[in-house]
C-alpha atoms as a PDB file:
ATOM      1  CA  MET A   1      41.108  59.023   7.485  1.00  0.00           C
ATOM      2  CA  ARG A   2      41.218  61.650   4.785  1.00  0.00           C
ATOM      3  CA  LEU A   3      38.664  59.668   2.721  1.00  0.00           C
ATOM      4  CA  PHE A   4      36.344  59.627   5.758  1.00  0.00           C
ATOM      5  CA  ALA A   5      36.762  63.461   6.265  1.00  0.00           C
ATOM      6  CA  ARG A   6      36.020  64.220   2.545  1.00  0.00           C
ATOM      7  CA  LEU A   7      32.984  61.767   2.594  1.00  0.00           C
ATOM      8  CA  SER A   8      31.505  63.353   5.776  1.00  0.00           C
ATOM      9  CA  ALA A   9      32.037  66.868   4.416  1.00  0.00           C
ATOM     10  CA  SER A  10      30.271  65.894   1.207  1.00  0.00           C
ATOM     11  CA  VAL A  11      27.341  64.312   3.131  1.00  0.00           C
ATOM     12  CA  LEU A  12      27.071  67.385   5.327  1.00  0.00           C
ATOM     13  CA  THR A  13      27.068  69.747   2.426  1.00  0.00           C
ATOM     14  CA  VAL A  14      24.350  67.675   0.609  1.00  0.00           C
ATOM     15  CA  ALA A  15      22.247  67.606   3.900  1.00  0.00           C
ATOM     16  CA  VAL A  16      22.449  71.328   4.419  1.00  0.00           C
ATOM     17  CA  SER A  17      21.576  72.011   0.822  1.00  0.00           C
ATOM     18  CA  VAL A  18      18.468  69.838   1.015  1.00  0.00           C
ATOM     19  CA  LEU A  19      17.425  71.460   4.284  1.00  0.00           C
ATOM     20  CA  MET A  20      17.844  75.002   2.797  1.00  0.00           C
ATOM     21  CA  LEU A  21      15.889  74.113  -0.317  1.00  0.00           C
ATOM     22  CA  SER A  22      13.010  72.491   1.556  1.00  0.00           C
ATOM     23  CA  ALA A  23      12.673  75.547   3.734  1.00  0.00           C
ATOM     24  CA  SER A  24      11.943  77.583   0.685  1.00  0.00           C
ATOM     25  CA  GLY A  25       9.413  75.135  -0.514  1.00  0.00           C
ATOM     26  CA  ASP A  26       6.325  77.295   0.255  1.00  0.00           C
ATOM     27  CA  ARG A  27       7.858  80.225  -1.617  1.00  0.00           C
ATOM     28  CA  VAL A  28       8.694  77.976  -4.609  1.00  0.00           C
ATOM     29  CA  ARG A  29       5.165  76.597  -4.686  1.00  0.00           C
ATOM     30  CA  PHE A  30       3.708  80.220  -4.406  1.00  0.00           C
ATOM     31  CA  ASN A  31       5.836  81.271  -7.341  1.00  0.00           C
ATOM     32  CA  ASP A  32       5.006  78.134  -9.339  1.00  0.00           C
ATOM     33  CA  LEU A  33       1.302  78.396  -8.746  1.00  0.00           C
ATOM     34  CA  GLY A  34       1.287  82.216  -9.139  1.00  0.00           C
ATOM     35  CA  HIS A  35       2.771  81.856 -12.638  1.00  0.00           C
ATOM     36  CA  HIS A  36       0.071  79.377 -13.534  1.00  0.00           C
ATOM     37  CA  MET A  37      -2.689  81.924 -12.875  1.00  0.00           C
ATOM     38  CA  MET A  38      -3.822  85.145 -14.458  1.00  0.00           C
ATOM     39  CA  CYS A  39      -4.925  88.338 -12.653  1.00  0.00           C
ATOM     40  CA  VAL A  40      -8.638  88.717 -13.295  1.00  0.00           C
ATOM     41  CA  CYS A  41      -8.751  92.541 -13.298  1.00  0.00           C
ATOM     42  CA  GLY A  42      -8.624  92.532 -17.104  1.00  0.00           C
ATOM     43  CA  CYS A  43      -4.838  93.398 -17.462  1.00  0.00           C
ATOM     44  CA  ASN A  44      -4.124  89.949 -19.048  1.00  0.00           C
ATOM     45  CA  GLN A  45      -1.057  89.579 -17.020  1.00  0.00           C
ATOM     46  CA  ILE A  46       0.207  86.615 -14.984  1.00  0.00           C
ATOM     47  CA  LEU A  47      -0.921  86.957 -11.362  1.00  0.00           C
ATOM     48  CA  LEU A  48       2.546  87.520  -9.929  1.00  0.00           C
ATOM     49  CA  GLU A  49       3.541  89.851 -12.779  1.00  0.00           C
ATOM     50  CA  CYS A  50       0.472  92.147 -12.448  1.00  0.00           C
ATOM     51  CA  ASN A  51       2.024  95.533 -11.790  1.00  0.00           C
ATOM     52  CA  HIS A  52      -0.497  98.190 -12.746  1.00  0.00           C
ATOM     53  CA  VAL A  53      -1.355 100.741 -10.054  1.00  0.00           C
ATOM     54  CA  GLY A  54      -4.611 100.317  -8.113  1.00  0.00           C
ATOM     55  CA  CYS A  55      -5.263  96.746  -9.095  1.00  0.00           C
ATOM     56  CA  THR A  56      -7.943  95.595  -6.708  1.00  0.00           C
ATOM     57  CA  TYR A  57      -7.497  91.844  -7.508  1.00  0.00           C
ATOM     58  CA  SER A  58      -3.878  90.977  -7.581  1.00  0.00           C
ATOM     59  CA  ASP A  59      -3.037  91.824  -3.832  1.00  0.00           C
ATOM     60  CA  ARG A  60      -6.108  89.945  -2.660  1.00  0.00           C
ATOM     61  CA  MET A  61      -5.408  86.879  -4.872  1.00  0.00           C
ATOM     62  CA  ARG A  62      -1.740  86.801  -3.857  1.00  0.00           C
ATOM     63  CA  GLU A  63      -2.731  86.760  -0.189  1.00  0.00           C
ATOM     64  CA  GLN A  64      -5.195  83.967  -0.784  1.00  0.00           C
ATOM     65  CA  LEU A  65      -2.570  82.002  -2.673  1.00  0.00           C
ATOM     66  CA  MET A  66       0.082  82.499   0.114  1.00  0.00           C
ATOM     67  CA  ALA A  67      -2.490  81.351   2.715  1.00  0.00           C
ATOM     68  CA  ALA A  68      -3.402  78.282   0.568  1.00  0.00           C
ATOM     69  CA  THR A  69       0.248  77.319   0.097  1.00  0.00           C
ATOM     70  CA  GLN A  70       0.944  77.549   3.775  1.00  0.00           C
ATOM     71  CA  ARG A  71      -2.039  75.339   4.625  1.00  0.00           C
ATOM     72  CA  ASP A  72      -0.343  72.515   2.729  1.00  0.00           C
ATOM     73  CA  SER A  73      -3.209  72.070   0.168  1.00  0.00           C
ATOM     74  CA  SER A  74      -2.250  70.261  -2.933  1.00  0.00           C
ATOM     75  CA  ASP A  75      -1.582  72.371  -5.999  1.00  0.00           C
ATOM     76  CA  ASP A  76      -4.610  70.954  -7.764  1.00  0.00           C
ATOM     77  CA  ASN A  77      -6.945  71.785  -4.853  1.00  0.00           C
ATOM     78  CA  ILE A  78      -5.483  75.372  -4.841  1.00  0.00           C
ATOM     79  CA  LEU A  79      -6.078  75.816  -8.536  1.00  0.00           C
ATOM     80  CA  GLN A  80      -9.674  74.349  -8.339  1.00  0.00           C
ATOM     81  CA  ALA A  81     -10.445  76.714  -5.461  1.00  0.00           C
ATOM     82  CA  PHE A  82      -9.371  79.688  -7.545  1.00  0.00           C
ATOM     83  CA  VAL A  83     -11.280  78.490 -10.560  1.00  0.00           C
ATOM     84  CA  LYS A  84     -14.318  78.001  -8.350  1.00  0.00           C
ATOM     85  CA  GLU A  85     -14.049  81.566  -7.056  1.00  0.00           C
ATOM     86  CA  TYR A  86     -12.879  83.510 -10.141  1.00  0.00           C
ATOM     87  CA  GLY A  87     -13.860  81.230 -13.132  1.00  0.00           C
ATOM     88  CA  THR A  88     -11.697  79.421 -15.604  1.00  0.00           C
ATOM     89  CA  THR A  89     -10.157  82.711 -16.875  1.00  0.00           C
ATOM     90  CA  VAL A  90      -7.862  82.614 -13.840  1.00  0.00           C
ATOM     91  CA  LEU A  91      -5.900  79.783 -15.450  1.00  0.00           C
ATOM     92  CA  ALA A  92      -2.959  80.990 -17.535  1.00  0.00           C
ATOM     93  CA  ALA A  93      -3.080  77.771 -19.684  1.00  0.00           C
ATOM     94  CA  PRO A  94      -5.872  75.277 -20.348  1.00  0.00           C
ATOM     95  CA  THR A  95      -5.917  72.099 -18.321  1.00  0.00           C
ATOM     96  CA  MET A  96      -5.249  68.710 -19.872  1.00  0.00           C
ATOM     97  CA  ARG A  97      -8.751  67.407 -19.067  1.00  0.00           C
ATOM     98  CA  GLY A  98     -11.918  67.110 -21.199  1.00  0.00           C
ATOM     99  CA  PHE A  99     -12.487  69.550 -24.021  1.00  0.00           C
ATOM    100  CA  ASP A 100      -9.441  71.646 -22.989  1.00  0.00           C
ATOM    101  CA  LYS A 101      -7.254  69.019 -24.596  1.00  0.00           C
ATOM    102  CA  VAL A 102      -8.435  70.454 -28.004  1.00  0.00           C
ATOM    103  CA  ALA A 103      -6.697  73.790 -27.114  1.00  0.00           C
ATOM    104  CA  TRP A 104      -3.436  71.827 -26.759  1.00  0.00           C
ATOM    105  CA  ILE A 105      -3.917  69.527 -29.805  1.00  0.00           C
ATOM    106  CA  MET A 106      -5.265  71.903 -32.437  1.00  0.00           C
ATOM    107  CA  PRO A 107      -2.175  74.053 -33.019  1.00  0.00           C
ATOM    108  CA  PHE A 108      -0.117  70.945 -33.795  1.00  0.00           C
ATOM    109  CA  ALA A 109      -2.815  69.413 -35.780  1.00  0.00           C
ATOM    110  CA  VAL A 110      -3.201  72.546 -37.976  1.00  0.00           C
ATOM    111  CA  PHE A 111       0.549  72.863 -38.414  1.00  0.00           C
ATOM    112  CA  LEU A 112       0.818  69.175 -39.550  1.00  0.00           C
ATOM    113  CA  GLY A 113      -2.162  69.475 -41.810  1.00  0.00           C
ATOM    114  CA  GLY A 114      -0.766  72.681 -43.392  1.00  0.00           C
ATOM    115  CA  SER A 115       2.630  71.115 -43.856  1.00  0.00           C
ATOM    116  CA  LEU A 116       1.179  68.041 -45.477  1.00  0.00           C
ATOM    117  CA  LEU A 117      -0.947  70.272 -47.785  1.00  0.00           C
ATOM    118  CA  ALA A 118       2.120  72.335 -48.760  1.00  0.00           C
ATOM    119  CA  ILE A 119       4.028  69.103 -49.630  1.00  0.00           C
ATOM    120  CA  LEU A 120       1.105  67.817 -51.748  1.00  0.00           C
ATOM    121  CA  VAL A 121       0.918  71.222 -53.622  1.00  0.00           C
ATOM    122  CA  ILE A 122       4.708  71.353 -54.228  1.00  0.00           C
ATOM    123  CA  ARG A 123       4.718  67.783 -55.515  1.00  0.00           C
ATOM    124  CA  ASN A 124       1.843  68.552 -57.803  1.00  0.00           C
ATOM    125  CA  TRP A 125       3.536  71.644 -59.202  1.00  0.00           C
ATOM    126  CA  LYS A 126       6.815  69.646 -59.625  1.00  0.00           C
ATOM    127  CA  GLU A 127       5.225  66.806 -61.590  1.00  0.00           C
ATOM    128  CA  ARG A 128       3.242  69.151 -63.812  1.00  0.00           C
ATOM    129  CA  ARG A 129       4.703  69.601 -67.379  1.00  0.00           C
ATOM    130  CA  PRO A 130       4.666  73.007 -68.973  1.00  0.00           C
ATOM    131  CA  ALA A 131       1.579  73.675 -71.119  1.00  0.00           C
ATOM    132  CA  HIS A 132       3.611  74.374 -74.310  1.00  0.00           C
ATOM    133  CA  ALA A 133       5.450  70.942 -74.025  1.00  0.00           C
ATOM    134  CA  ILE A 134       2.117  69.172 -73.710  1.00  0.00           C
ATOM    135  CA  LEU A 135       0.529  70.857 -76.685  1.00  0.00           C
ATOM    136  CA  HIS A 136       3.470  70.911 -79.038  1.00  0.00           C
ATOM    137  CA  GLY A 137       5.968  68.400 -77.803  1.00  0.00           C
ATOM    138  CA  THR A 138       9.364  68.552 -79.507  1.00  0.00           C
ATOM    139  CA  THR A 139       9.142  69.622 -83.162  1.00  0.00           C
ATOM    140  CA  PRO A 140      11.910  69.258 -85.688  1.00  0.00           C
ATOM    141  CA  ALA A 141      11.423  72.965 -86.799  1.00  0.00           C
ATOM    142  CA  LEU A 142      12.381  74.193 -83.309  1.00  0.00           C
ATOM    143  CA  ASP A 143      15.244  71.749 -82.849  1.00  0.00           C
ATOM    144  CA  HIS A 144      17.370  73.966 -85.251  1.00  0.00           C
ATOM    145  CA  TYR A 145      16.870  76.950 -83.070  1.00  0.00           C
ATOM    146  CA  ARG A 146      17.549  75.108 -79.847  1.00  0.00           C
ATOM    147  CA  GLU A 147      20.783  73.803 -81.220  1.00  0.00           C
ATOM    148  CA  GLN A 148      21.760  77.348 -82.341  1.00  0.00           C
ATOM    149  CA  ALA A 149      20.994  78.786 -78.928  1.00  0.00           C
ATOM    150  CA  ARG A 150      23.162  76.000 -77.342  1.00  0.00           C
ATOM    151  CA  ARG A 151      26.160  76.799 -79.625  1.00  0.00           C
ATOM    152  CA  GLU A 152      25.856  80.632 -79.180  1.00  0.00           C
ATOM    153  CA  THR A 153      25.701  80.475 -75.334  1.00  0.00           C
ATOM    154  CA  SER A 154      28.356  77.852 -74.774  1.00  0.00           C
ATOM    155  CA  LEU A 155      31.682  79.205 -73.558  1.00  0.00           C
END
């Protein structure tokens, strides 16, 4: 009997949690989509973070976004509608379609290329012999002084 009571209490808790989370679904979608868009007034802030006084765009865009999320439009349709109305500058990040993929790939490609170039340069420097060793090599005349320097600097 105790096991049944615990199990039913657990199921009830999970059910209530799921219902409460789904009730705030529109607000979560609103926040998620609002943080994927930029305010187009020129402040270069995320739409929901635009806080300068007298912004003529952010309030209107927030209202449009809230209405679109309540109409149960898909997220992609909402973003496409905003892009159609305000242009691609409304998106906070480039899409993963077409030429916009370059904006995602290039930073990684440049980092990888620069790292490989640095590795090649360092290997080249490491393998290079000093110029005086190439020209003169080891001479018996200098060996006497090298041996003297070793003796005098040894502890």
